[in-house]
């Protein structure tokens, strides 16, 4: 926070920095912010360059190109995020089913006559193994 205050305090001084020019005994021209004796103050103005129509069109094309690439990247990121969320939901569901199988109890399915057909212990163990394998492959 203090550094930020110092920067803001120094900004006006940096903006009003002076540049001085002088020629030494060997005839070389020098520029500096601190004036020696006999230095001339120079006013430096930013140079404004006017761009021609073809340059502006080239810049606009580049901007459109980069904007299209940015939008493509955002769409790809959204799709990846959606795929990741869907995968996480599937993994939660698989883990929940495995936890239910591990808790034990009686599990059944309905046959064609709408009668309950209970799973045997070996069928439940096979289902547990199959779910654990699927979780290892898909979720880890």
C-alpha atoms as a PDB file:
ATOM      1  CA  UNK A   1       0.000   0.000   0.000  1.00  0.00           C
ATOM      2  CA  UNK A   2       2.840   2.375   0.856  1.00  0.00           C
ATOM      3  CA  UNK A   3       4.564   1.615  -2.442  1.00  0.00           C
ATOM      4  CA  UNK A   4       1.385   2.540  -4.293  1.00  0.00           C
ATOM      5  CA  UNK A   5       1.178   5.848  -2.434  1.00  0.00           C
ATOM      6  CA  UNK A   6       4.822   6.587  -3.232  1.00  0.00           C
ATOM      7  CA  UNK A   7       4.226   5.876  -6.929  1.00  0.00           C
ATOM      8  CA  UNK A   8       1.225   8.189  -7.002  1.00  0.00           C
ATOM      9  CA  UNK A   9       3.219  10.872  -5.216  1.00  0.00           C
ATOM     10  CA  UNK A  10       6.074  10.616  -7.725  1.00  0.00           C
ATOM     11  CA  UNK A  11       3.937  10.547 -10.882  1.00  0.00           C
ATOM     12  CA  UNK A  12       3.701  14.338 -11.239  1.00  0.00           C
ATOM     13  CA  UNK A  13       7.471  14.661 -10.898  1.00  0.00           C
ATOM     14  CA  UNK A  14       8.050  11.932 -13.481  1.00  0.00           C
ATOM     15  CA  UNK A  15       5.635  13.556 -15.897  1.00  0.00           C
ATOM     16  CA  UNK A  16       7.402  16.898 -15.582  1.00  0.00           C
ATOM     17  CA  UNK A  17      10.950  15.547 -16.040  1.00  0.00           C
ATOM     18  CA  UNK A  18      13.216  17.912 -17.974  1.00  0.00           C
ATOM     19  CA  UNK A  19      15.746  16.994 -20.626  1.00  0.00           C
ATOM     20  CA  UNK A  20      18.851  19.103 -21.211  1.00  0.00           C
ATOM     21  CA  UNK A  21      21.273  19.148 -24.150  1.00  0.00           C
ATOM     22  CA  UNK A  22      24.878  20.344 -24.188  1.00  0.00           C
ATOM     23  CA  UNK A  23      28.010  19.918 -26.211  1.00  0.00           C
ATOM     24  CA  UNK A  24      31.248  18.861 -24.510  1.00  0.00           C
ATOM     25  CA  UNK A  25      34.810  20.041 -25.278  1.00  0.00           C
ATOM     26  CA  UNK A  26      35.247  17.339 -27.952  1.00  0.00           C
ATOM     27  CA  UNK A  27      32.133  18.532 -29.795  1.00  0.00           C
ATOM     28  CA  UNK A  28      29.911  15.586 -28.813  1.00  0.00           C
ATOM     29  CA  UNK A  29      26.280  16.331 -28.026  1.00  0.00           C
ATOM     30  CA  UNK A  30      24.914  14.925 -24.765  1.00  0.00           C
ATOM     31  CA  UNK A  31      21.421  14.660 -23.290  1.00  0.00           C
ATOM     32  CA  UNK A  32      20.571  14.242 -19.594  1.00  0.00           C
ATOM     33  CA  UNK A  33      17.968  15.032 -16.964  1.00  0.00           C
ATOM     34  CA  UNK A  34      20.447  16.976 -14.805  1.00  0.00           C
ATOM     35  CA  UNK A  35      21.833  20.068 -16.450  1.00  0.00           C
ATOM     36  CA  UNK A  36      25.533  20.890 -16.331  1.00  0.00           C
ATOM     37  CA  UNK A  37      26.607  24.508 -16.741  1.00  0.00           C
ATOM     38  CA  UNK A  38      25.572  25.901 -20.127  1.00  0.00           C
ATOM     39  CA  UNK A  39      23.011  23.199 -20.909  1.00  0.00           C
ATOM     40  CA  UNK A  40      19.971  24.054 -22.980  1.00  0.00           C
ATOM     41  CA  UNK A  41      16.530  22.839 -21.900  1.00  0.00           C
ATOM     42  CA  UNK A  42      14.739  20.746 -24.538  1.00  0.00           C
ATOM     43  CA  UNK A  43      10.987  20.337 -24.753  1.00  0.00           C
ATOM     44  CA  UNK A  44      10.063  16.802 -25.740  1.00  0.00           C
ATOM     45  CA  UNK A  45       6.641  16.239 -27.213  1.00  0.00           C
ATOM     46  CA  UNK A  46       5.244  12.810 -27.991  1.00  0.00           C
ATOM     47  CA  UNK A  47       5.215  12.088 -31.668  1.00  0.00           C
ATOM     48  CA  UNK A  48       1.778  11.418 -33.099  1.00  0.00           C
ATOM     49  CA  UNK A  49       1.917   9.188 -36.101  1.00  0.00           C
ATOM     50  CA  UNK A  50      -0.964   9.205 -38.488  1.00  0.00           C
ATOM     51  CA  UNK A  51      -1.639   5.780 -39.969  1.00  0.00           C
ATOM     52  CA  UNK A  52      -2.784   5.400 -43.542  1.00  0.00           C
ATOM     53  CA  UNK A  53      -5.918   3.476 -44.544  1.00  0.00           C
ATOM     54  CA  UNK A  54      -4.089   0.245 -45.406  1.00  0.00           C
ATOM     55  CA  UNK A  55      -2.350   0.229 -42.023  1.00  0.00           C
ATOM     56  CA  UNK A  56      -5.641   0.795 -40.216  1.00  0.00           C
ATOM     57  CA  UNK A  57      -7.260  -2.006 -42.248  1.00  0.00           C
ATOM     58  CA  UNK A  58      -4.357  -4.357 -41.444  1.00  0.00           C
ATOM     59  CA  UNK A  59      -4.702  -3.527 -37.753  1.00  0.00           C
ATOM     60  CA  UNK A  60      -8.466  -4.105 -37.908  1.00  0.00           C
ATOM     61  CA  UNK A  61      -7.948  -7.503 -39.614  1.00  0.00           C
ATOM     62  CA  UNK A  62      -5.422  -8.489 -36.970  1.00  0.00           C
ATOM     63  CA  UNK A  63      -7.799  -7.405 -34.229  1.00  0.00           C
ATOM     64  CA  UNK A  64     -10.648  -9.431 -35.776  1.00  0.00           C
ATOM     65  CA  UNK A  65      -8.352 -12.451 -36.117  1.00  0.00           C
ATOM     66  CA  UNK A  66      -7.228 -12.285 -32.476  1.00  0.00           C
ATOM     67  CA  UNK A  67     -10.794 -11.710 -31.279  1.00  0.00           C
ATOM     68  CA  UNK A  68     -11.969 -14.790 -33.214  1.00  0.00           C
ATOM     69  CA  UNK A  69      -9.136 -16.855 -31.700  1.00  0.00           C
ATOM     70  CA  UNK A  70     -10.014 -15.571 -28.221  1.00  0.00           C
ATOM     71  CA  UNK A  71     -13.670 -16.531 -28.698  1.00  0.00           C
ATOM     72  CA  UNK A  72     -12.679 -19.978 -29.993  1.00  0.00           C
ATOM     73  CA  UNK A  73     -10.473 -20.485 -26.944  1.00  0.00           C
ATOM     74  CA  UNK A  74     -13.275 -19.397 -24.608  1.00  0.00           C
ATOM     75  CA  UNK A  75     -15.689 -21.825 -26.307  1.00  0.00           C
ATOM     76  CA  UNK A  76     -13.140 -24.640 -26.018  1.00  0.00           C
ATOM     77  CA  UNK A  77     -12.597 -23.800 -22.349  1.00  0.00           C
ATOM     78  CA  UNK A  78     -16.367 -23.845 -21.718  1.00  0.00           C
ATOM     79  CA  UNK A  79     -16.720 -27.219 -23.450  1.00  0.00           C
ATOM     80  CA  UNK A  80     -13.812 -28.661 -21.469  1.00  0.00           C
ATOM     81  CA  UNK A  81     -15.339 -27.340 -18.271  1.00  0.00           C
ATOM     82  CA  UNK A  82     -18.728 -28.870 -19.142  1.00  0.00           C
ATOM     83  CA  UNK A  83     -17.090 -32.227 -19.977  1.00  0.00           C
ATOM     84  CA  UNK A  84     -15.187 -32.122 -16.695  1.00  0.00           C
ATOM     85  CA  UNK A  85     -18.356 -31.341 -14.715  1.00  0.00           C
ATOM     86  CA  UNK A  86     -20.258 -34.153 -16.460  1.00  0.00           C
ATOM     87  CA  UNK A  87     -17.429 -36.604 -15.759  1.00  0.00           C
ATOM     88  CA  UNK A  88     -17.319 -35.560 -12.101  1.00  0.00           C
ATOM     89  CA  UNK A  89     -21.096 -36.080 -11.818  1.00  0.00           C
ATOM     90  CA  UNK A  90     -20.800 -39.546 -13.378  1.00  0.00           C
ATOM     91  CA  UNK A  91     -17.955 -40.422 -11.015  1.00  0.00           C
ATOM     92  CA  UNK A  92     -19.987 -39.294  -7.995  1.00  0.00           C
ATOM     93  CA  UNK A  93     -22.879 -41.452  -9.183  1.00  0.00           C
ATOM     94  CA  UNK A  94     -20.620 -44.505  -9.690  1.00  0.00           C
ATOM     95  CA  UNK A  95     -19.021 -44.042  -6.271  1.00  0.00           C
ATOM     96  CA  UNK A  96     -22.445 -43.710  -4.670  1.00  0.00           C
ATOM     97  CA  UNK A  97     -23.631 -46.951  -6.305  1.00  0.00           C
ATOM     98  CA  UNK A  98     -20.461 -48.724  -5.169  1.00  0.00           C
ATOM     99  CA  UNK A  99     -20.949 -47.449  -1.614  1.00  0.00           C
ATOM    100  CA  UNK A 100     -24.518 -48.792  -1.625  1.00  0.00           C
ATOM    101  CA  UNK A 101     -23.286 -52.198  -2.783  1.00  0.00           C
ATOM    102  CA  UNK A 102     -20.604 -52.221  -0.088  1.00  0.00           C
ATOM    103  CA  UNK A 103     -23.154 -51.418   2.625  1.00  0.00           C
ATOM    104  CA  UNK A 104     -24.865 -54.659   1.896  1.00  0.00           C
ATOM    105  CA  UNK A 105     -28.524 -55.490   1.880  1.00  0.00           C
ATOM    106  CA  UNK A 106     -30.721 -57.241  -0.623  1.00  0.00           C
ATOM    107  CA  UNK A 107     -30.670 -56.041  -4.216  1.00  0.00           C
ATOM    108  CA  UNK A 108     -33.125 -57.078  -6.896  1.00  0.00           C
ATOM    109  CA  UNK A 109     -34.249 -56.516 -10.440  1.00  0.00           C
ATOM    110  CA  UNK A 110     -37.674 -56.989 -11.959  1.00  0.00           C
ATOM    111  CA  UNK A 111     -38.234 -59.742 -14.473  1.00  0.00           C
ATOM    112  CA  UNK A 112     -40.662 -59.754 -17.407  1.00  0.00           C
ATOM    113  CA  UNK A 113     -43.555 -60.679 -15.132  1.00  0.00           C
ATOM    114  CA  UNK A 114     -42.749 -57.720 -12.813  1.00  0.00           C
ATOM    115  CA  UNK A 115     -41.558 -60.164 -10.158  1.00  0.00           C
ATOM    116  CA  UNK A 116     -38.539 -59.398  -7.994  1.00  0.00           C
ATOM    117  CA  UNK A 117     -35.455 -61.452  -8.735  1.00  0.00           C
ATOM    118  CA  UNK A 118     -32.883 -61.046  -5.961  1.00  0.00           C
ATOM    119  CA  UNK A 119     -29.151 -60.941  -6.741  1.00  0.00           C
ATOM    120  CA  UNK A 120     -26.921 -63.616  -5.243  1.00  0.00           C
ATOM    121  CA  UNK A 121     -23.814 -62.738  -3.235  1.00  0.00           C
ATOM    122  CA  UNK A 122     -21.593 -63.689  -6.167  1.00  0.00           C
ATOM    123  CA  UNK A 123     -23.565 -61.396  -8.495  1.00  0.00           C
ATOM    124  CA  UNK A 124     -23.255 -58.533  -6.002  1.00  0.00           C
ATOM    125  CA  UNK A 125     -19.505 -59.184  -5.629  1.00  0.00           C
ATOM    126  CA  UNK A 126     -19.136 -59.193  -9.422  1.00  0.00           C
ATOM    127  CA  UNK A 127     -21.081 -55.919  -9.642  1.00  0.00           C
ATOM    128  CA  UNK A 128     -18.842 -54.385  -6.951  1.00  0.00           C
ATOM    129  CA  UNK A 129     -15.731 -55.477  -8.845  1.00  0.00           C
ATOM    130  CA  UNK A 130     -17.118 -54.166 -12.130  1.00  0.00           C
ATOM    131  CA  UNK A 131     -18.002 -50.779 -10.593  1.00  0.00           C
ATOM    132  CA  UNK A 132     -14.599 -50.490  -8.898  1.00  0.00           C
ATOM    133  CA  UNK A 133     -12.840 -51.241 -12.195  1.00  0.00           C
ATOM    134  CA  UNK A 134     -15.004 -48.734 -14.050  1.00  0.00           C
ATOM    135  CA  UNK A 135     -14.307 -46.059 -11.409  1.00  0.00           C
ATOM    136  CA  UNK A 136     -10.554 -46.717 -11.624  1.00  0.00           C
ATOM    137  CA  UNK A 137     -10.605 -46.376 -15.399  1.00  0.00           C
ATOM    138  CA  UNK A 138     -12.973 -43.422 -15.732  1.00  0.00           C
ATOM    139  CA  UNK A 139     -12.360 -41.369 -12.602  1.00  0.00           C
ATOM    140  CA  UNK A 140      -8.693 -41.621 -11.728  1.00  0.00           C
END
